[in-house]
Amino acid sequence: MDSVDTISKATGIPRQDMLDIWERVKKNSAALEGCVGRHEFRAVDPTKKLGGRYRCSKCHGEIDSTARHWYDIGLIHGGPS
């Protein structure tokens, strides 16, 4: 038994589903980290107000609305003063 089995048992999410989710997370992180220049995030579903997701039009990585908020603040703080 490993940590995936432990988490699977605690959550009821099948082991293979958890492994599939982890692969998608790693692929998304690699896309975001490998993006050249600034991300160009666009709403995945512009009608969704809460819990929205954003996809970079360049690398196709996705983030949630909280990450988007902090990314935008970082751009403001990192810009010319």
N, C-alpha and C. Protein backbone atom coordinates (compact mmCIF):
# COMPACT_ATOMS: atom_id res chain seq x y z
N MET A 1 0.85 -1.18 0.00
CA MET A 1 0.00 0.00 0.00
C MET A 1 0.90 1.25 0.00
N ASP A 2 0.56 2.21 -0.85
CA ASP A 2 1.32 3.46 -0.91
C ASP A 2 0.38 4.63 -0.62
N SER A 3 0.92 5.84 -0.73
CA SER A 3 0.11 7.03 -0.40
C SER A 3 -1.09 7.18 -1.33
N VAL A 4 -0.97 6.76 -2.58
CA VAL A 4 -2.11 6.85 -3.50
C VAL A 4 -3.23 5.95 -3.02
N ASP A 5 -2.87 4.75 -2.59
CA ASP A 5 -3.89 3.84 -2.06
C ASP A 5 -4.55 4.41 -0.81
N THR A 6 -3.74 5.02 0.05
CA THR A 6 -4.27 5.60 1.28
C THR A 6 -5.26 6.72 0.97
N ILE A 7 -4.88 7.61 0.06
CA ILE A 7 -5.76 8.72 -0.30
C ILE A 7 -6.99 8.20 -1.03
N SER A 8 -6.81 7.22 -1.88
CA SER A 8 -7.93 6.62 -2.61
C SER A 8 -8.95 6.04 -1.64
N LYS A 9 -8.44 5.34 -0.64
CA LYS A 9 -9.33 4.73 0.34
C LYS A 9 -10.07 5.81 1.15
N ALA A 10 -9.37 6.89 1.50
CA ALA A 10 -9.98 7.95 2.30
C ALA A 10 -11.02 8.76 1.52
N THR A 11 -10.79 8.93 0.21
CA THR A 11 -11.67 9.78 -0.59
C THR A 11 -12.72 9.02 -1.38
N GLY A 12 -12.46 7.75 -1.62
CA GLY A 12 -13.36 6.97 -2.45
C GLY A 12 -13.08 7.13 -3.94
N ILE A 13 -12.04 7.89 -4.27
CA ILE A 13 -11.66 8.06 -5.68
C ILE A 13 -10.79 6.87 -6.07
N PRO A 14 -11.17 6.16 -7.13
CA PRO A 14 -10.37 5.00 -7.54
C PRO A 14 -8.91 5.38 -7.82
N ARG A 15 -8.02 4.45 -7.51
CA ARG A 15 -6.58 4.66 -7.69
C ARG A 15 -6.25 5.14 -9.10
N GLN A 16 -6.79 4.49 -10.12
CA GLN A 16 -6.46 4.87 -11.49
C GLN A 16 -6.93 6.28 -11.82
N ASP A 17 -8.09 6.67 -11.31
CA ASP A 17 -8.57 8.04 -11.52
C ASP A 17 -7.61 9.04 -10.89
N MET A 18 -7.10 8.72 -9.70
CA MET A 18 -6.15 9.62 -9.05
C MET A 18 -4.86 9.73 -9.86
N LEU A 19 -4.39 8.62 -10.38
CA LEU A 19 -3.17 8.65 -11.20
C LEU A 19 -3.40 9.45 -12.48
N ASP A 20 -4.58 9.32 -13.07
CA ASP A 20 -4.91 10.08 -14.27
C ASP A 20 -4.96 11.58 -13.98
N ILE A 21 -5.55 11.94 -12.83
CA ILE A 21 -5.60 13.35 -12.43
C ILE A 21 -4.19 13.88 -12.25
N TRP A 22 -3.34 13.12 -11.56
CA TRP A 22 -1.96 13.55 -11.33
C TRP A 22 -1.21 13.76 -12.65
N GLU A 23 -1.42 12.92 -13.62
CA GLU A 23 -0.77 13.09 -14.94
C GLU A 23 -1.24 14.38 -15.61
N ARG A 24 -2.55 14.68 -15.51
CA ARG A 24 -3.07 15.92 -16.09
C ARG A 24 -2.49 17.14 -15.37
N VAL A 25 -2.35 17.06 -14.05
CA VAL A 25 -1.76 18.16 -13.28
C VAL A 25 -0.32 18.38 -13.72
N LYS A 26 0.45 17.31 -13.85
CA LYS A 26 1.86 17.44 -14.27
C LYS A 26 1.97 18.02 -15.68
N LYS A 27 1.11 17.58 -16.58
CA LYS A 27 1.12 18.08 -17.96
C LYS A 27 0.76 19.57 -17.98
N ASN A 28 -0.24 19.97 -17.20
CA ASN A 28 -0.66 21.37 -17.14
C ASN A 28 0.47 22.23 -16.56
N SER A 29 1.09 21.76 -15.50
CA SER A 29 2.20 22.51 -14.89
C SER A 29 3.35 22.67 -15.86
N ALA A 30 3.68 21.63 -16.58
CA ALA A 30 4.77 21.71 -17.56
C ALA A 30 4.44 22.72 -18.65
N ALA A 31 3.20 22.74 -19.10
CA ALA A 31 2.80 23.71 -20.13
C ALA A 31 2.94 25.13 -19.60
N LEU A 32 2.43 25.39 -18.40
CA LEU A 32 2.49 26.73 -17.82
C LEU A 32 3.94 27.17 -17.60
N GLU A 33 4.77 26.27 -17.09
CA GLU A 33 6.17 26.61 -16.82
C GLU A 33 6.97 26.80 -18.10
N GLY A 34 6.56 26.15 -19.17
CA GLY A 34 7.30 26.23 -20.43
C GLY A 34 6.84 27.34 -21.35
N CYS A 35 5.83 28.08 -20.94
CA CYS A 35 5.29 29.14 -21.79
C CYS A 35 6.34 30.24 -21.99
N VAL A 36 6.47 30.70 -23.20
CA VAL A 36 7.44 31.74 -23.53
C VAL A 36 6.77 33.11 -23.37
N GLY A 37 7.41 33.98 -22.61
CA GLY A 37 6.86 35.32 -22.41
C GLY A 37 5.71 35.30 -21.42
N ARG A 38 4.89 36.30 -21.49
CA ARG A 38 3.74 36.39 -20.59
C ARG A 38 2.60 35.51 -21.09
N HIS A 39 1.89 34.94 -20.10
CA HIS A 39 0.69 34.18 -20.45
C HIS A 39 -0.37 35.14 -20.98
N GLU A 40 -1.24 34.63 -21.81
CA GLU A 40 -2.39 35.38 -22.30
C GLU A 40 -3.63 34.58 -21.93
N PHE A 41 -4.09 34.79 -20.69
CA PHE A 41 -5.22 34.01 -20.17
C PHE A 41 -6.55 34.54 -20.66
N ARG A 42 -7.41 33.62 -21.04
CA ARG A 42 -8.77 33.93 -21.46
C ARG A 42 -9.70 33.00 -20.69
N ALA A 43 -10.87 33.48 -20.35
CA ALA A 43 -11.84 32.66 -19.63
C ALA A 43 -12.24 31.45 -20.47
N VAL A 44 -12.23 30.29 -19.85
CA VAL A 44 -12.68 29.08 -20.53
C VAL A 44 -14.18 29.18 -20.79
N ASP A 45 -14.93 29.66 -19.80
CA ASP A 45 -16.37 29.88 -19.92
C ASP A 45 -16.67 31.29 -19.41
N PRO A 46 -16.74 32.28 -20.32
CA PRO A 46 -16.94 33.67 -19.90
C PRO A 46 -18.22 33.92 -19.11
N THR A 47 -19.20 33.02 -19.19
CA THR A 47 -20.45 33.22 -18.46
C THR A 47 -20.35 32.79 -17.00
N LYS A 48 -19.32 32.04 -16.67
CA LYS A 48 -19.17 31.53 -15.31
C LYS A 48 -18.52 32.59 -14.43
N LYS A 49 -19.22 32.99 -13.38
CA LYS A 49 -18.74 34.06 -12.50
C LYS A 49 -17.91 33.53 -11.35
N LEU A 50 -18.33 32.45 -10.72
CA LEU A 50 -17.58 31.86 -9.60
C LEU A 50 -16.92 30.57 -10.05
N GLY A 51 -15.71 30.37 -9.59
CA GLY A 51 -15.01 29.13 -9.92
C GLY A 51 -14.56 29.04 -11.36
N GLY A 52 -14.36 30.19 -11.99
CA GLY A 52 -13.95 30.21 -13.39
C GLY A 52 -12.55 29.67 -13.62
N ARG A 53 -12.33 29.18 -14.80
CA ARG A 53 -11.02 28.67 -15.22
C ARG A 53 -10.53 29.55 -16.36
N TYR A 54 -9.22 29.67 -16.46
CA TYR A 54 -8.60 30.48 -17.50
C TYR A 54 -7.55 29.65 -18.21
N ARG A 55 -7.50 29.78 -19.54
CA ARG A 55 -6.55 29.03 -20.36
C ARG A 55 -5.66 30.01 -21.11
N CYS A 56 -4.37 29.76 -21.08
CA CYS A 56 -3.42 30.59 -21.82
C CYS A 56 -3.54 30.25 -23.31
N SER A 57 -3.69 31.27 -24.12
CA SER A 57 -3.85 31.04 -25.56
C SER A 57 -2.54 30.61 -26.21
N LYS A 58 -1.42 30.76 -25.50
CA LYS A 58 -0.12 30.36 -26.06
C LYS A 58 0.27 28.93 -25.68
N CYS A 59 0.23 28.62 -24.37
CA CYS A 59 0.70 27.30 -23.92
C CYS A 59 -0.45 26.33 -23.64
N HIS A 60 -1.67 26.85 -23.58
CA HIS A 60 -2.89 26.07 -23.30
C HIS A 60 -2.96 25.53 -21.87
N GLY A 61 -2.07 26.03 -20.99
CA GLY A 61 -2.16 25.68 -19.58
C GLY A 61 -3.36 26.37 -18.97
N GLU A 62 -3.92 25.77 -17.92
CA GLU A 62 -5.10 26.34 -17.27
C GLU A 62 -4.83 26.65 -15.81
N ILE A 63 -5.49 27.70 -15.32
CA ILE A 63 -5.43 28.09 -13.92
C ILE A 63 -6.84 28.46 -13.45
N ASP A 64 -7.00 28.54 -12.13
CA ASP A 64 -8.30 28.96 -11.60
C ASP A 64 -8.31 30.47 -11.43
N SER A 65 -9.46 31.00 -11.00
CA SER A 65 -9.62 32.45 -10.91
C SER A 65 -8.72 33.07 -9.84
N THR A 66 -8.43 32.34 -8.77
CA THR A 66 -7.54 32.87 -7.73
C THR A 66 -6.12 33.01 -8.27
N ALA A 67 -5.64 32.00 -8.96
CA ALA A 67 -4.30 32.07 -9.55
C ALA A 67 -4.23 33.19 -10.58
N ARG A 68 -5.29 33.38 -11.33
CA ARG A 68 -5.34 34.46 -12.32
C ARG A 68 -5.23 35.81 -11.63
N HIS A 69 -5.94 35.98 -10.53
CA HIS A 69 -5.90 37.23 -9.76
C HIS A 69 -4.46 37.54 -9.33
N TRP A 70 -3.79 36.56 -8.74
CA TRP A 70 -2.43 36.79 -8.26
C TRP A 70 -1.43 36.95 -9.40
N TYR A 71 -1.66 36.28 -10.52
CA TYR A 71 -0.81 36.47 -11.70
C TYR A 71 -0.90 37.93 -12.16
N ASP A 72 -2.12 38.45 -12.25
CA ASP A 72 -2.32 39.83 -12.68
C ASP A 72 -1.67 40.82 -11.70
N ILE A 73 -1.80 40.57 -10.40
CA ILE A 73 -1.16 41.44 -9.41
C ILE A 73 0.36 41.39 -9.57
N GLY A 74 0.90 40.21 -9.83
CA GLY A 74 2.34 40.10 -10.05
C GLY A 74 2.80 40.91 -11.25
N LEU A 75 1.99 40.91 -12.31
CA LEU A 75 2.34 41.72 -13.47
C LEU A 75 2.34 43.21 -13.13
N ILE A 76 1.38 43.63 -12.35
CA ILE A 76 1.31 45.04 -11.95
C ILE A 76 2.53 45.40 -11.11
N HIS A 77 2.86 44.58 -10.14
CA HIS A 77 3.99 44.86 -9.24
C HIS A 77 5.32 44.74 -9.97
N GLY A 78 5.37 43.90 -10.98
CA GLY A 78 6.62 43.71 -11.71
C GLY A 78 6.81 44.71 -12.85
N GLY A 79 5.78 45.51 -13.11
CA GLY A 79 5.84 46.48 -14.20
C GLY A 79 6.67 47.70 -13.84
N PRO A 80 6.81 48.61 -14.79
CA PRO A 80 7.59 49.81 -14.53
C PRO A 80 6.95 50.65 -13.43
N SER A 81 7.79 51.26 -12.59
CA SER A 81 7.25 52.06 -11.48
C SER A 81 7.23 53.53 -11.80
